[in-house]
C-alpha cells in the first residue's frame, strides 16, 4: 500500500526525468503498481482512511511520484450526484492524441502531492482532450475528457514528462490569463 512516505517531494531527480514506456504485455509487477496508484487516490478521498493510513488527499497520482520512472498514472474523480460520471482509471503509456483550441484553468490553482510549497497562480490547460492508454488487462482505452478530468489527466501526464504544474504558471504575472480562457 502506498502512503505519504512513499511519495517523493520536489526537488527530486525522478520528478524531472522523462519516464520510460511500459512494455506490453504489462508485467505483474507493473499491474501491481497501477493497482496501488488507483487504490491510493480512491482511499485518499476518505478523511478516515487518510488519518488511519497517513494519506494526503489527491485525485491523481503518477508512478514517478512514487519514484518509479514508468509511464503509469491513476485518476479518481468521483461524481456523487451521478456515479456513472465518475472518472476512475489506472493507465499505462497514456498519451494525449488531440486537444481543443479552447483553454481553461482552475480558479483555485493547482496543487500536487509531490509539491509541498504553496505555489500560487493559474495553470493554463486545454479544456478538452482525447487520451489513449492501456489498462491493467492490456486493453486500449480511449477517453474524451473535459473540465476537471481533462485538467487532472494533463497534470498527471505532465509528470511522465518531467513537468510540474508550476512550470506552466506565468512567472511575471501568475494570475494573468487571456480573456478567452474558461475559468473552472
C-alpha atoms as a PDB file:
ATOM      1  CA  UNK A   1       0.000   0.000   0.000  1.00  0.00           C
ATOM      2  CA  UNK A   2       1.205   3.491  -0.872  1.00  0.00           C
ATOM      3  CA  UNK A   3       1.121   6.197   1.795  1.00  0.00           C
ATOM      4  CA  UNK A   4       2.575   9.685   2.246  1.00  0.00           C
ATOM      5  CA  UNK A   5       6.065   8.303   2.979  1.00  0.00           C
ATOM      6  CA  UNK A   6       6.209   6.709  -0.499  1.00  0.00           C
ATOM      7  CA  UNK A   7       5.558   9.978  -2.350  1.00  0.00           C
ATOM      8  CA  UNK A   8       8.718  11.804  -3.341  1.00  0.00           C
ATOM      9  CA  UNK A   9       8.866  15.573  -2.917  1.00  0.00           C
ATOM     10  CA  UNK A  10      10.126  18.295  -5.259  1.00  0.00           C
ATOM     11  CA  UNK A  11      13.013  18.771  -5.855  1.00  0.00           C
ATOM     12  CA  UNK A  12      13.793  15.144  -6.740  1.00  0.00           C
ATOM     13  CA  UNK A  13      15.532  13.964  -9.911  1.00  0.00           C
ATOM     14  CA  UNK A  14      12.822  11.406 -10.762  1.00  0.00           C
ATOM     15  CA  UNK A  15      10.192  14.167 -10.880  1.00  0.00           C
ATOM     16  CA  UNK A  16      12.166  15.933 -13.632  1.00  0.00           C
ATOM     17  CA  UNK A  17      13.014  12.871 -15.758  1.00  0.00           C
ATOM     18  CA  UNK A  18      11.057  11.559 -18.739  1.00  0.00           C
ATOM     19  CA  UNK A  19       9.522   8.266 -17.608  1.00  0.00           C
ATOM     20  CA  UNK A  20      10.074   5.050 -19.565  1.00  0.00           C
ATOM     21  CA  UNK A  21       7.383   3.376 -21.657  1.00  0.00           C
ATOM     22  CA  UNK A  22       5.811   0.311 -20.041  1.00  0.00           C
ATOM     23  CA  UNK A  23       6.383  -2.857 -22.060  1.00  0.00           C
ATOM     24  CA  UNK A  24       3.323  -4.671 -23.375  1.00  0.00           C
ATOM     25  CA  UNK A  25       2.040  -7.077 -22.288  1.00  0.00           C
ATOM     26  CA  UNK A  26       2.190  -5.445 -18.880  1.00  0.00           C
ATOM     27  CA  UNK A  27       4.157  -7.352 -16.228  1.00  0.00           C
ATOM     28  CA  UNK A  28       2.582  -8.478 -12.970  1.00  0.00           C
ATOM     29  CA  UNK A  29       4.863  -6.048 -11.131  1.00  0.00           C
ATOM     30  CA  UNK A  30       3.595  -3.118 -13.225  1.00  0.00           C
ATOM     31  CA  UNK A  31      -0.027  -4.288 -12.822  1.00  0.00           C
ATOM     32  CA  UNK A  32       0.506  -4.141  -9.074  1.00  0.00           C
ATOM     33  CA  UNK A  33       1.877  -0.596  -9.299  1.00  0.00           C
ATOM     34  CA  UNK A  34      -1.176   0.502 -11.330  1.00  0.00           C
ATOM     35  CA  UNK A  35      -3.471  -1.102  -8.772  1.00  0.00           C
ATOM     36  CA  UNK A  36      -1.696   0.636  -5.874  1.00  0.00           C
ATOM     37  CA  UNK A  37      -1.750   4.035  -7.603  1.00  0.00           C
ATOM     38  CA  UNK A  38      -5.521   3.826  -8.098  1.00  0.00           C
ATOM     39  CA  UNK A  39      -6.060   2.435  -4.597  1.00  0.00           C
ATOM     40  CA  UNK A  40      -4.180   5.427  -3.188  1.00  0.00           C
ATOM     41  CA  UNK A  41      -6.230   8.101  -4.964  1.00  0.00           C
ATOM     42  CA  UNK A  42      -9.520   6.400  -4.070  1.00  0.00           C
ATOM     43  CA  UNK A  43      -8.604   5.917  -0.403  1.00  0.00           C
ATOM     44  CA  UNK A  44      -7.073   9.399  -0.110  1.00  0.00           C
ATOM     45  CA  UNK A  45     -10.501  10.941  -0.695  1.00  0.00           C
ATOM     46  CA  UNK A  46     -11.852   9.440   2.533  1.00  0.00           C
ATOM     47  CA  UNK A  47     -10.944  11.508   5.617  1.00  0.00           C
ATOM     48  CA  UNK A  48     -10.985   8.489   7.961  1.00  0.00           C
ATOM     49  CA  UNK A  49      -8.699   6.444   5.696  1.00  0.00           C
ATOM     50  CA  UNK A  50      -6.337   9.435   5.303  1.00  0.00           C
ATOM     51  CA  UNK A  51      -5.986   9.576   9.075  1.00  0.00           C
ATOM     52  CA  UNK A  52      -5.702   5.812   9.517  1.00  0.00           C
ATOM     53  CA  UNK A  53      -3.141   5.182   6.742  1.00  0.00           C
ATOM     54  CA  UNK A  54      -1.274   8.519   6.650  1.00  0.00           C
ATOM     55  CA  UNK A  55      -2.519   9.626   3.234  1.00  0.00           C
ATOM     56  CA  UNK A  56      -2.563  13.080   1.663  1.00  0.00           C
ATOM     57  CA  UNK A  57      -5.766  13.745  -0.344  1.00  0.00           C
ATOM     58  CA  UNK A  58      -5.468  13.752  -4.121  1.00  0.00           C
ATOM     59  CA  UNK A  59      -7.371  12.981  -7.331  1.00  0.00           C
ATOM     60  CA  UNK A  60      -4.408  11.774  -9.385  1.00  0.00           C
ATOM     61  CA  UNK A  61      -1.043  10.089  -8.933  1.00  0.00           C
ATOM     62  CA  UNK A  62       1.706   9.210 -11.407  1.00  0.00           C
ATOM     63  CA  UNK A  63       4.297   6.460 -10.963  1.00  0.00           C
ATOM     64  CA  UNK A  64       7.226   8.936 -10.976  1.00  0.00           C
ATOM     65  CA  UNK A  65       5.731  10.445  -7.806  1.00  0.00           C
ATOM     66  CA  UNK A  66       6.457   7.172  -6.004  1.00  0.00           C
ATOM     67  CA  UNK A  67       9.963   7.117  -7.525  1.00  0.00           C
ATOM     68  CA  UNK A  68       9.038   4.649 -10.282  1.00  0.00           C
ATOM     69  CA  UNK A  69      10.088   6.226 -13.583  1.00  0.00           C
ATOM     70  CA  UNK A  70       7.489   4.471 -15.736  1.00  0.00           C
ATOM     71  CA  UNK A  71       4.596   5.880 -17.759  1.00  0.00           C
ATOM     72  CA  UNK A  72       1.732   4.961 -15.427  1.00  0.00           C
ATOM     73  CA  UNK A  73      -0.992   7.123 -13.889  1.00  0.00           C
ATOM     74  CA  UNK A  74      -4.164   6.789 -11.838  1.00  0.00           C
ATOM     75  CA  UNK A  75      -7.021   9.274 -11.630  1.00  0.00           C
ATOM     76  CA  UNK A  76     -10.149   9.119  -9.484  1.00  0.00           C
ATOM     77  CA  UNK A  77     -12.692  11.936  -9.665  1.00  0.00           C
ATOM     78  CA  UNK A  78     -15.970  10.899  -8.046  1.00  0.00           C
ATOM     79  CA  UNK A  79     -19.350  12.311  -9.046  1.00  0.00           C
ATOM     80  CA  UNK A  80     -21.698  11.683  -6.110  1.00  0.00           C
ATOM     81  CA  UNK A  81     -24.696  13.135  -7.956  1.00  0.00           C
ATOM     82  CA  UNK A  82     -24.239  10.838 -10.947  1.00  0.00           C
ATOM     83  CA  UNK A  83     -21.935   7.880 -10.170  1.00  0.00           C
ATOM     84  CA  UNK A  84     -21.923   6.904 -13.869  1.00  0.00           C
ATOM     85  CA  UNK A  85     -19.936  10.100 -14.487  1.00  0.00           C
ATOM     86  CA  UNK A  86     -17.186   9.154 -12.012  1.00  0.00           C
ATOM     87  CA  UNK A  87     -13.798   9.189 -13.736  1.00  0.00           C
ATOM     88  CA  UNK A  88     -11.643   6.382 -12.347  1.00  0.00           C
ATOM     89  CA  UNK A  89      -8.758   4.956 -14.385  1.00  0.00           C
ATOM     90  CA  UNK A  90      -5.340   3.418 -13.956  1.00  0.00           C
ATOM     91  CA  UNK A  91      -3.498   3.522 -17.288  1.00  0.00           C
ATOM     92  CA  UNK A  92      -0.075   2.853 -18.657  1.00  0.00           C
ATOM     93  CA  UNK A  93       1.509   4.667 -21.598  1.00  0.00           C
ATOM     94  CA  UNK A  94      -1.244   7.318 -21.717  1.00  0.00           C
ATOM     95  CA  UNK A  95      -0.951   9.904 -24.484  1.00  0.00           C
ATOM     96  CA  UNK A  96      -2.942  12.999 -25.348  1.00  0.00           C
ATOM     97  CA  UNK A  97      -3.723  12.479 -29.024  1.00  0.00           C
ATOM     98  CA  UNK A  98      -5.828  15.602 -29.568  1.00  0.00           C
ATOM     99  CA  UNK A  99      -6.989  18.683 -27.706  1.00  0.00           C
ATOM    100  CA  UNK A 100      -9.263  21.683 -28.061  1.00  0.00           C
ATOM    101  CA  UNK A 101      -8.076  25.124 -29.045  1.00  0.00           C
ATOM    102  CA  UNK A 102     -10.035  26.422 -26.030  1.00  0.00           C
ATOM    103  CA  UNK A 103      -8.031  26.645 -22.815  1.00  0.00           C
ATOM    104  CA  UNK A 104      -9.128  26.754 -19.196  1.00  0.00           C
ATOM    105  CA  UNK A 105      -7.736  26.983 -15.683  1.00  0.00           C
ATOM    106  CA  UNK A 106      -8.800  26.152 -12.137  1.00  0.00           C
ATOM    107  CA  UNK A 107      -9.868  29.288 -10.254  1.00  0.00           C
ATOM    108  CA  UNK A 108      -8.139  27.996  -7.101  1.00  0.00           C
ATOM    109  CA  UNK A 109      -4.968  26.996  -8.922  1.00  0.00           C
ATOM    110  CA  UNK A 110      -3.474  23.503  -8.902  1.00  0.00           C
ATOM    111  CA  UNK A 111      -1.680  21.553  -6.225  1.00  0.00           C
ATOM    112  CA  UNK A 112       0.406  18.403  -6.248  1.00  0.00           C
ATOM    113  CA  UNK A 113       1.133  15.580  -3.826  1.00  0.00           C
ATOM    114  CA  UNK A 114       4.844  15.990  -4.671  1.00  0.00           C
ATOM    115  CA  UNK A 115       4.987  19.767  -4.194  1.00  0.00           C
ATOM    116  CA  UNK A 116       4.847  20.874  -0.564  1.00  0.00           C
ATOM    117  CA  UNK A 117       5.399  24.552  -1.352  1.00  0.00           C
ATOM    118  CA  UNK A 118       2.187  26.593  -1.771  1.00  0.00           C
ATOM    119  CA  UNK A 119       2.676  27.913  -5.302  1.00  0.00           C
ATOM    120  CA  UNK A 120       0.040  30.406  -6.369  1.00  0.00           C
ATOM    121  CA  UNK A 121      -1.025  31.130  -9.926  1.00  0.00           C
ATOM    122  CA  UNK A 122      -3.206  29.949 -12.782  1.00  0.00           C
ATOM    123  CA  UNK A 123      -2.169  26.906 -14.787  1.00  0.00           C
ATOM    124  CA  UNK A 124      -3.418  27.078 -18.398  1.00  0.00           C
ATOM    125  CA  UNK A 125      -4.732  23.737 -19.667  1.00  0.00           C
ATOM    126  CA  UNK A 126      -6.726  22.523 -22.654  1.00  0.00           C
ATOM    127  CA  UNK A 127     -10.476  22.444 -21.965  1.00  0.00           C
ATOM    128  CA  UNK A 128     -10.971  19.170 -23.840  1.00  0.00           C
ATOM    129  CA  UNK A 129      -8.547  16.361 -24.560  1.00  0.00           C
ATOM    130  CA  UNK A 130      -8.594  12.888 -26.065  1.00  0.00           C
ATOM    131  CA  UNK A 131      -6.375  10.379 -24.265  1.00  0.00           C
ATOM    132  CA  UNK A 132      -5.345   6.905 -25.362  1.00  0.00           C
ATOM    133  CA  UNK A 133      -3.707   4.481 -22.942  1.00  0.00           C
ATOM    134  CA  UNK A 134      -3.821   0.862 -21.763  1.00  0.00           C
ATOM    135  CA  UNK A 135      -5.369  -0.656 -18.663  1.00  0.00           C
ATOM    136  CA  UNK A 136      -4.049  -3.478 -16.479  1.00  0.00           C
ATOM    137  CA  UNK A 137      -5.600  -6.017 -18.905  1.00  0.00           C
ATOM    138  CA  UNK A 138      -3.638  -4.560 -21.854  1.00  0.00           C
ATOM    139  CA  UNK A 139      -6.882  -3.212 -23.303  1.00  0.00           C
ATOM    140  CA  UNK A 140      -6.702   0.036 -25.239  1.00  0.00           C
ATOM    141  CA  UNK A 141      -8.719   2.776 -23.542  1.00  0.00           C
ATOM    142  CA  UNK A 142      -9.787   5.958 -25.354  1.00  0.00           C
ATOM    143  CA  UNK A 143     -11.171   8.816 -23.266  1.00  0.00           C
ATOM    144  CA  UNK A 144     -12.746  12.110 -24.281  1.00  0.00           C
ATOM    145  CA  UNK A 145     -12.333  14.373 -21.270  1.00  0.00           C
ATOM    146  CA  UNK A 146     -13.474  17.871 -20.336  1.00  0.00           C
ATOM    147  CA  UNK A 147     -13.161  20.222 -17.372  1.00  0.00           C
ATOM    148  CA  UNK A 148     -11.590  18.829 -14.170  1.00  0.00           C
ATOM    149  CA  UNK A 149     -10.923  15.320 -15.585  1.00  0.00           C
ATOM    150  CA  UNK A 150      -9.126  16.899 -18.579  1.00  0.00           C
ATOM    151  CA  UNK A 151      -7.043  19.094 -16.261  1.00  0.00           C
ATOM    152  CA  UNK A 152      -6.187  16.167 -13.990  1.00  0.00           C
ATOM    153  CA  UNK A 153      -5.070  13.933 -16.878  1.00  0.00           C
ATOM    154  CA  UNK A 154      -2.907  16.738 -18.287  1.00  0.00           C
ATOM    155  CA  UNK A 155      -1.344  17.246 -14.842  1.00  0.00           C
ATOM    156  CA  UNK A 156      -0.565  13.522 -14.426  1.00  0.00           C
ATOM    157  CA  UNK A 157       0.717  13.062 -17.989  1.00  0.00           C
ATOM    158  CA  UNK A 158       2.987  16.075 -17.410  1.00  0.00           C
ATOM    159  CA  UNK A 159       4.566  14.086 -14.542  1.00  0.00           C
ATOM    160  CA  UNK A 160       5.520  11.401 -17.074  1.00  0.00           C
ATOM    161  CA  UNK A 161       7.456  14.047 -18.999  1.00  0.00           C
ATOM    162  CA  UNK A 162       9.244  15.606 -16.020  1.00  0.00           C
ATOM    163  CA  UNK A 163       6.945  18.646 -15.932  1.00  0.00           C
ATOM    164  CA  UNK A 164       5.408  20.065 -12.750  1.00  0.00           C
ATOM    165  CA  UNK A 165       2.257  22.192 -12.693  1.00  0.00           C
ATOM    166  CA  UNK A 166       4.069  25.373 -11.696  1.00  0.00           C
ATOM    167  CA  UNK A 167       6.193  25.190 -14.879  1.00  0.00           C
ATOM    168  CA  UNK A 168       3.057  26.405 -16.726  1.00  0.00           C
ATOM    169  CA  UNK A 169       2.416  29.419 -14.477  1.00  0.00           C
ATOM    170  CA  UNK A 170       3.284  32.839 -15.935  1.00  0.00           C
ATOM    171  CA  UNK A 171       6.418  33.823 -13.993  1.00  0.00           C
ATOM    172  CA  UNK A 172       5.930  37.611 -14.390  1.00  0.00           C
ATOM    173  CA  UNK A 173       2.219  37.641 -13.547  1.00  0.00           C
ATOM    174  CA  UNK A 174       0.991  34.348 -12.030  1.00  0.00           C
ATOM    175  CA  UNK A 175      -2.684  35.353 -12.158  1.00  0.00           C
ATOM    176  CA  UNK A 176      -2.660  36.677 -15.716  1.00  0.00           C
ATOM    177  CA  UNK A 177      -4.754  34.679 -18.182  1.00  0.00           C
ATOM    178  CA  UNK A 178      -6.163  35.660 -21.562  1.00  0.00           C
ATOM    179  CA  UNK A 179      -9.841  36.718 -21.529  1.00  0.00           C
ATOM    180  CA  UNK A 180     -10.930  33.768 -23.685  1.00  0.00           C
ATOM    181  CA  UNK A 181      -9.733  31.175 -21.153  1.00  0.00           C
ATOM    182  CA  UNK A 182     -12.523  29.360 -19.327  1.00  0.00           C
ATOM    183  CA  UNK A 183     -12.422  29.599 -15.515  1.00  0.00           C
ATOM    184  CA  UNK A 184     -13.402  26.367 -13.713  1.00  0.00           C
END
